[in-house]
Protein backbone atom coordinates (compact mmCIF):
# COMPACT_ATOMS: atom_id res chain seq x y z
CA UNK A 1 34.84 8.84 51.07
CA UNK A 2 37.00 6.58 53.33
CA UNK A 3 38.24 4.04 50.43
CA UNK A 4 41.31 2.90 50.13
CA UNK A 5 43.91 3.70 46.96
CA UNK A 6 41.56 2.70 44.34
CA UNK A 7 38.83 5.19 44.32
CA UNK A 8 36.50 3.63 41.50
CA UNK A 9 34.63 0.39 40.85
CA UNK A 10 31.51 -1.11 41.82
CA UNK A 11 29.67 -0.18 45.22
CA UNK A 12 26.45 -1.09 46.75
CA UNK A 13 24.22 1.49 48.02
CA UNK A 14 23.08 -0.10 51.79
CA UNK A 15 20.51 1.20 54.25
CA UNK A 16 19.48 -0.18 57.65
CA UNK A 17 16.39 1.11 58.58
CA UNK A 18 15.33 1.61 62.23
CA UNK A 19 12.57 3.11 64.08
CA UNK A 20 14.74 6.01 65.34
CA UNK A 21 17.60 6.11 63.02
CA UNK A 22 18.97 5.12 59.44
CA UNK A 23 22.57 3.53 59.14
CA UNK A 24 23.63 4.12 55.51
CA UNK A 25 26.73 3.19 53.69
CA UNK A 26 28.22 2.48 50.19
CA UNK A 27 29.62 -1.09 50.38
CA UNK A 28 32.35 -2.80 48.08
CA UNK A 29 31.75 -6.27 46.97
CA UNK A 30 34.36 -7.48 49.26
CA UNK A 31 32.40 -5.97 52.28
CA UNK A 32 34.62 -3.00 52.79
CA UNK A 33 32.64 0.38 53.48
CA UNK A 34 33.83 3.35 51.85
CA UNK A 35 31.50 5.70 53.14
CA UNK A 36 29.24 5.88 56.05
CA UNK A 37 26.39 8.36 57.42
CA UNK A 38 23.44 8.38 59.31
CA UNK A 39 19.95 9.81 59.15
CA UNK A 40 17.05 9.96 61.46
CA UNK A 41 14.10 8.11 60.50
CA UNK A 42 11.65 10.03 62.44
CA UNK A 43 9.00 7.26 62.41
CA UNK A 44 6.76 9.42 64.05
CA UNK A 45 5.73 11.50 60.73
CA UNK A 46 4.32 8.37 59.32
CA UNK A 47 5.01 5.49 57.10
CA UNK A 48 4.77 7.92 53.86
CA UNK A 49 7.49 10.42 55.18
CA UNK A 50 9.70 7.43 56.17
CA UNK A 51 9.51 6.00 52.80
CA UNK A 52 10.25 9.62 51.32
CA UNK A 53 13.32 9.67 53.31
CA UNK A 54 14.60 6.39 52.46
CA UNK A 55 14.22 7.12 48.70
CA UNK A 56 15.91 10.55 49.14
CA UNK A 57 18.78 9.05 51.07
CA UNK A 58 19.37 6.52 48.69
CA UNK A 59 19.30 8.72 45.86
CA UNK A 60 21.65 10.99 47.53
CA UNK A 61 24.06 8.30 48.38
CA UNK A 62 24.05 6.67 44.51
CA UNK A 63 24.70 10.50 43.92
CA UNK A 64 27.70 10.82 46.29
CA UNK A 65 29.28 7.28 44.81
CA UNK A 66 29.16 8.61 40.99
CA UNK A 67 30.71 11.80 42.14
CA UNK A 68 33.48 10.00 43.70
CA UNK A 69 34.11 8.10 40.60
CA UNK A 70 32.40 4.76 41.97
CA UNK A 71 29.86 2.74 40.21
CA UNK A 72 26.72 1.98 42.02
CA UNK A 73 25.67 -1.51 40.90
CA UNK A 74 22.43 -2.15 43.26
CA UNK A 75 20.77 -1.29 46.23
CA UNK A 76 19.79 -3.12 49.47
CA UNK A 77 17.75 -1.96 52.22
CA UNK A 78 16.99 -3.63 55.58
CA UNK A 79 13.90 -3.01 57.43
CA UNK A 80 12.48 -4.42 60.78
CA UNK A 81 8.99 -6.32 61.10
CA UNK A 82 7.82 -8.97 58.66
CA UNK A 83 9.16 -8.98 55.34
CA UNK A 84 8.37 -10.52 52.50
CA UNK A 85 11.76 -10.81 50.65
CA UNK A 86 10.62 -12.50 47.65
CA UNK A 87 7.98 -9.81 46.80
CA UNK A 88 10.01 -6.95 47.91
CA UNK A 89 7.45 -5.97 50.28
CA UNK A 90 7.63 -4.65 53.98
CA UNK A 91 4.52 -6.26 55.46
CA UNK A 92 4.57 -4.94 58.48
CA UNK A 93 6.59 -3.03 61.13
CA UNK A 94 5.45 -1.53 64.35
CA UNK A 95 8.40 0.31 64.74
CA UNK A 96 8.20 2.26 61.58
CA UNK A 97 4.66 2.14 60.78
CA UNK A 98 4.75 0.12 57.29
CA UNK A 99 2.27 -1.84 56.09
CA UNK A 100 2.47 -3.52 52.68
CA UNK A 101 4.86 -1.23 51.27
CA UNK A 102 6.73 -2.31 48.24
CA UNK A 103 9.76 -0.75 49.23
CA UNK A 104 12.16 -2.92 47.03
CA UNK A 105 10.49 -1.64 43.63
CA UNK A 106 10.19 1.99 45.02
CA UNK A 107 13.79 1.92 45.79
CA UNK A 108 14.71 0.32 42.33
CA UNK A 109 12.37 2.64 40.25
CA UNK A 110 13.90 5.96 42.23
CA UNK A 111 17.48 4.48 41.73
CA UNK A 112 17.28 2.81 38.30
CA UNK A 113 19.13 0.38 39.76
CA UNK A 114 18.41 -3.54 41.06
CA UNK A 115 17.22 -3.71 44.73
CA UNK A 116 16.59 -6.20 47.31
CA UNK A 117 14.92 -5.75 50.67
CA UNK A 118 15.51 -7.74 53.98
CA UNK A 119 14.69 -8.19 57.35
CA UNK A 120 17.11 -6.40 59.77
CA UNK A 121 18.03 -9.01 61.70
CA UNK A 122 18.11 -11.80 58.91
CA UNK A 123 20.78 -9.44 56.75
CA UNK A 124 22.48 -8.68 60.14
CA UNK A 125 22.93 -12.88 60.57
CA UNK A 126 24.19 -12.87 56.79
CA UNK A 127 26.74 -10.51 57.58
CA UNK A 128 27.95 -11.91 60.58
CA UNK A 129 28.01 -15.55 59.06
CA UNK A 130 29.99 -14.26 55.96
CA UNK A 131 32.19 -11.70 57.24
CA UNK A 132 31.98 -11.62 61.11
CA UNK A 133 32.00 -13.81 64.10
CA UNK A 134 30.45 -16.96 62.19
CA UNK A 135 32.50 -16.78 59.13
CA UNK A 136 34.16 -20.19 59.98
CA UNK A 137 30.91 -22.09 60.32
CA UNK A 138 28.36 -23.43 57.85
CA UNK A 139 25.55 -23.29 60.07
CA UNK A 140 25.15 -20.02 62.30
CA UNK A 141 22.25 -19.00 64.60
CA UNK A 142 22.69 -15.17 64.60
CA UNK A 143 20.47 -13.80 67.87
CA UNK A 144 19.96 -10.08 68.15
CA UNK A 145 19.29 -8.95 72.17
CA UNK A 146 18.11 -5.59 72.53
CA UNK A 147 14.80 -4.11 72.92
CA UNK A 148 13.52 -7.22 71.76
CA UNK A 149 14.67 -10.58 70.84
CA UNK A 150 14.93 -12.08 67.16
CA UNK A 151 17.08 -14.47 65.51
CA UNK A 152 18.19 -15.60 61.85
CA UNK A 153 19.29 -19.33 61.07
CA UNK A 154 22.09 -18.78 58.23
CA UNK A 155 23.23 -22.18 56.11
CA UNK A 156 25.83 -21.51 53.80
CA UNK A 157 25.59 -17.74 53.82
CA UNK A 158 21.57 -17.75 53.18
CA UNK A 159 18.96 -16.85 55.91
CA UNK A 160 15.72 -18.72 55.84
CA UNK A 161 12.54 -16.31 55.83
CA UNK A 162 10.01 -18.82 56.38
CA UNK A 163 6.97 -19.35 54.50
CA UNK A 164 5.23 -15.95 55.64
CA UNK A 165 8.60 -13.84 56.14
CA UNK A 166 8.36 -14.38 59.86
CA UNK A 167 11.53 -17.00 60.51
CA UNK A 168 13.44 -16.41 63.22
CA UNK A 169 11.23 -15.28 65.99
CA UNK A 170 13.06 -16.81 69.03
CA UNK A 171 12.12 -14.06 71.33
CA UNK A 172 8.57 -15.77 71.41
CA UNK A 173 9.74 -19.19 72.41
CA UNK A 174 8.07 -19.82 75.65
CA UNK A 175 10.50 -20.13 78.61
CA UNK A 176 8.55 -19.06 81.68
CA UNK A 177 4.76 -19.91 81.66
CA UNK A 178 4.00 -17.89 84.75
CA UNK A 179 6.40 -15.11 83.71
CA UNK A 180 5.56 -11.55 82.52
CA UNK A 181 3.32 -10.95 79.81
CA UNK A 182 5.25 -10.15 76.32
CA UNK A 183 4.32 -7.45 73.99
CA UNK A 184 3.00 -10.03 71.81
CA UNK A 185 -0.12 -10.90 74.48
CA UNK A 186 1.35 -14.12 75.73
CA UNK A 187 2.95 -14.78 79.18
CA UNK A 188 6.51 -16.19 79.69
CA UNK A 189 8.20 -15.30 76.32
CA UNK A 190 11.81 -15.32 76.06
CA UNK A 191 11.90 -11.54 74.78
CA UNK A 192 9.71 -10.79 78.04
CA UNK A 193 12.46 -12.13 80.32
CA UNK A 194 15.78 -11.86 78.84
CA UNK A 195 15.75 -8.73 76.16
CA UNK A 196 17.52 -5.49 77.49
CA UNK A 197 14.25 -3.80 77.98
CA UNK A 198 12.90 -6.82 80.23
CA UNK A 199 15.92 -6.62 82.41
CA UNK A 200 15.38 -3.06 83.08
CA UNK A 201 12.02 -3.63 83.64
CA UNK A 202 12.57 -6.34 86.12
CA UNK A 203 15.19 -4.51 88.08
CA UNK A 204 12.85 -1.62 88.74
CA UNK A 205 9.99 -3.71 89.78
CA UNK A 206 12.15 -5.53 92.40
CA UNK A 207 13.75 -2.15 93.44
CA UNK A 208 10.47 -0.37 94.15
CA UNK A 209 8.60 -3.77 95.47
CA UNK A 210 9.31 -3.07 99.36
CA UNK A 211 6.81 -3.06 102.43
CA UNK A 212 8.12 -0.02 104.42
CA UNK A 213 8.19 3.59 103.45
CA UNK A 214 12.18 3.66 104.63
CA UNK A 215 12.78 0.25 102.25
CA UNK A 216 11.04 1.99 99.68
CA UNK A 217 12.90 5.00 99.80
CA UNK A 218 16.26 3.25 100.02
CA UNK A 219 15.20 1.09 96.98
CA UNK A 220 13.90 3.85 94.77
CA UNK A 221 17.47 5.17 94.66
CA UNK A 222 18.37 2.00 93.51
CA UNK A 223 16.12 2.04 90.50
CA UNK A 224 17.59 5.12 88.91
CA UNK A 225 21.02 5.81 87.46
CA UNK A 226 23.40 8.61 88.30
CA UNK A 227 21.23 11.20 86.54
CA UNK A 228 18.29 10.22 87.73
CA UNK A 229 16.94 8.21 84.60
CA UNK A 230 15.50 4.60 84.95
CA UNK A 231 18.30 2.09 85.24
CA UNK A 232 19.29 0.35 81.89
CA UNK A 233 20.17 -3.20 81.23
CA UNK A 234 23.80 -1.99 80.79
CA UNK A 235 23.82 -0.63 84.45
CA UNK A 236 22.09 -3.70 85.55
CA UNK A 237 24.89 -5.65 84.31
CA UNK A 238 27.33 -3.09 85.67
CA UNK A 239 26.05 -3.56 89.43
CA UNK A 240 25.73 -7.26 89.27
CA UNK A 241 29.53 -7.15 88.18
CA UNK A 242 30.09 -5.03 91.18
CA UNK A 243 28.19 -7.30 93.36
CA UNK A 244 25.08 -5.89 93.98
CA UNK A 245 22.61 -8.80 95.26
CA UNK A 246 19.55 -7.35 93.31
CA UNK A 247 21.23 -6.58 90.10
CA UNK A 248 22.85 -10.19 90.21
CA UNK A 249 19.37 -12.04 90.87
CA UNK A 250 17.88 -10.31 87.94
CA UNK A 251 21.14 -10.81 85.72
CA UNK A 252 20.78 -14.73 86.70
CA UNK A 253 17.14 -14.76 85.93
CA UNK A 254 17.86 -13.13 82.47
CA UNK A 255 21.00 -15.54 81.69
CA UNK A 256 18.88 -18.74 82.59
CA UNK A 257 15.94 -18.02 80.55
CA UNK A 258 18.12 -17.16 77.38
CA UNK A 259 20.09 -20.41 77.90
CA UNK A 260 16.45 -22.04 77.87
CA UNK A 261 15.69 -20.23 74.66
CA UNK A 262 18.91 -21.07 72.96
CA UNK A 263 19.01 -24.71 74.06
CA UNK A 264 15.57 -24.75 72.31
CA UNK A 265 17.15 -23.20 69.29
CA UNK A 266 19.91 -25.53 69.22
CA UNK A 267 17.40 -28.67 69.37
CA UNK A 268 15.68 -26.86 66.23
CA UNK A 269 18.42 -25.71 64.23
CA UNK A 270 21.69 -27.82 65.33
CA UNK A 271 23.88 -24.78 64.35
CA UNK A 272 27.76 -24.75 64.69
CA UNK A 273 28.17 -21.45 66.20
CA UNK A 274 25.73 -18.96 68.08
CA UNK A 275 26.61 -15.35 67.52
CA UNK A 276 25.07 -13.14 70.00
CA UNK A 277 24.71 -9.45 68.71
CA UNK A 278 22.50 -6.53 69.89
CA UNK A 279 22.99 -4.28 72.93
CA UNK A 280 22.78 -6.93 75.56
CA UNK A 281 25.88 -8.57 73.91
CA UNK A 282 28.20 -5.57 74.40
CA UNK A 283 28.21 -6.99 78.22
CA UNK A 284 30.81 -9.63 76.76
CA UNK A 285 31.96 -12.51 79.01
CA UNK A 286 29.72 -11.32 81.72
CA UNK A 287 26.97 -12.37 79.68
CA UNK A 288 28.92 -15.10 77.60
CA UNK A 289 30.68 -16.80 80.56
CA UNK A 290 27.44 -17.55 82.70
CA UNK A 291 25.37 -18.45 79.25
CA UNK A 292 28.05 -20.87 77.93
CA UNK A 293 27.83 -22.66 81.34
CA UNK A 294 24.08 -22.75 81.79
CA UNK A 295 23.70 -23.90 77.78
CA UNK A 296 26.06 -26.62 78.73
CA UNK A 297 24.02 -27.68 81.47
CA UNK A 298 21.06 -28.13 79.09
CA UNK A 299 22.66 -30.12 76.52
CA UNK A 300 21.95 -33.89 76.21
CA UNK A 301 22.46 -35.52 72.80
CA UNK A 302 22.85 -32.20 71.13
CA UNK A 303 26.33 -30.97 70.05
CA UNK A 304 26.92 -27.81 71.98
CA UNK A 305 27.54 -24.93 69.63
CA UNK A 306 30.44 -22.26 69.84
CA UNK A 307 28.95 -19.28 71.36
CA UNK A 308 30.52 -15.97 70.47
CA UNK A 309 29.81 -12.22 70.38
CA UNK A 310 28.86 -10.49 67.22
CA UNK A 311 32.11 -8.97 65.36
CA UNK A 312 30.31 -6.24 63.19
CA UNK A 313 28.82 -4.20 65.50
CA UNK A 314 26.03 -1.55 64.22
CA UNK A 315 27.44 -2.06 60.47
CA UNK A 316 26.16 -5.64 60.18
CA UNK A 317 22.86 -4.42 59.12
CA UNK A 318 24.05 -2.34 56.09
CA UNK A 319 26.79 -5.04 55.20
CA UNK A 320 24.21 -7.61 55.26
CA UNK A 321 21.63 -5.33 53.11
CA UNK A 322 24.80 -4.95 50.52
CA UNK A 323 25.25 -8.62 50.57
CA UNK A 324 21.82 -9.73 49.98
CA UNK A 325 21.55 -6.89 46.87
CA UNK A 326 24.74 -8.50 45.44
CA UNK A 327 23.29 -11.80 45.72
CA UNK A 328 20.03 -10.57 43.87
CA UNK A 329 22.40 -9.71 40.77
CA UNK A 330 23.25 -13.32 40.35
CA UNK A 331 19.93 -14.77 40.35
């Protein structure tokens, strides 16, 4: 345990389930993490195996809390995909393989505790709005930019789920009608241009798209990192900062499209603060500086939001899941 002087009192068991790994924690009602651990999700084993792992890990965390003199009062679980938070059902997730899994009730029964189930980006937004970079704003748009792009609109600490549990899919705003085809099947979505995976893919395409054998050989070396792996978005950002023309072009394209998407988000939600999270936000001011300028250019009568980087890192999912579970106790 990593708690302060008083090793007693209530805690929430919190799990943030991803396609590759699970971030897990015991969280105090004030947001302090008293114990954290990670486990592989190994989604390739199938949805049933993932559910079994979730239940086993949650039960283990509750046991560790009791052994340390703490009292688990609830369990919060965050998952990707489409989530029906009212029914407590993981409706669909490509990353994990869930289809209509009544995960909230399964967890509650296994632990004999109240439980809550939330969408990973929405609970991350709740955590950033209450405890992180958006804590001084009543209206926050949290935008997670990683392999994909999704958002959470948080008002007074609560995130809207939408009529069908699919609110916040800002990554599927159309920004480039003649752009690359998105994983959803439609061309030109924001996610297909400005996500970390899209940036890496665009750089590789441009690095390999030349006419002569000599040029192709030269550019092939650009398209791989120091270890011979494909260049990541982080490496594209580093090369752009170092002045490489090709990387700079790809980075500018992504920033301009992202500004278009965020301008649409501001027109829809009129928030005080936009919090950018996910892997791409780790670029810091290299992303935020030009993005603020591009967003400013797109504002007409709309109020320009404050644009900041997320403050909670990869703890946001667990913290948000815990907050969601605590909220459920008050209903």
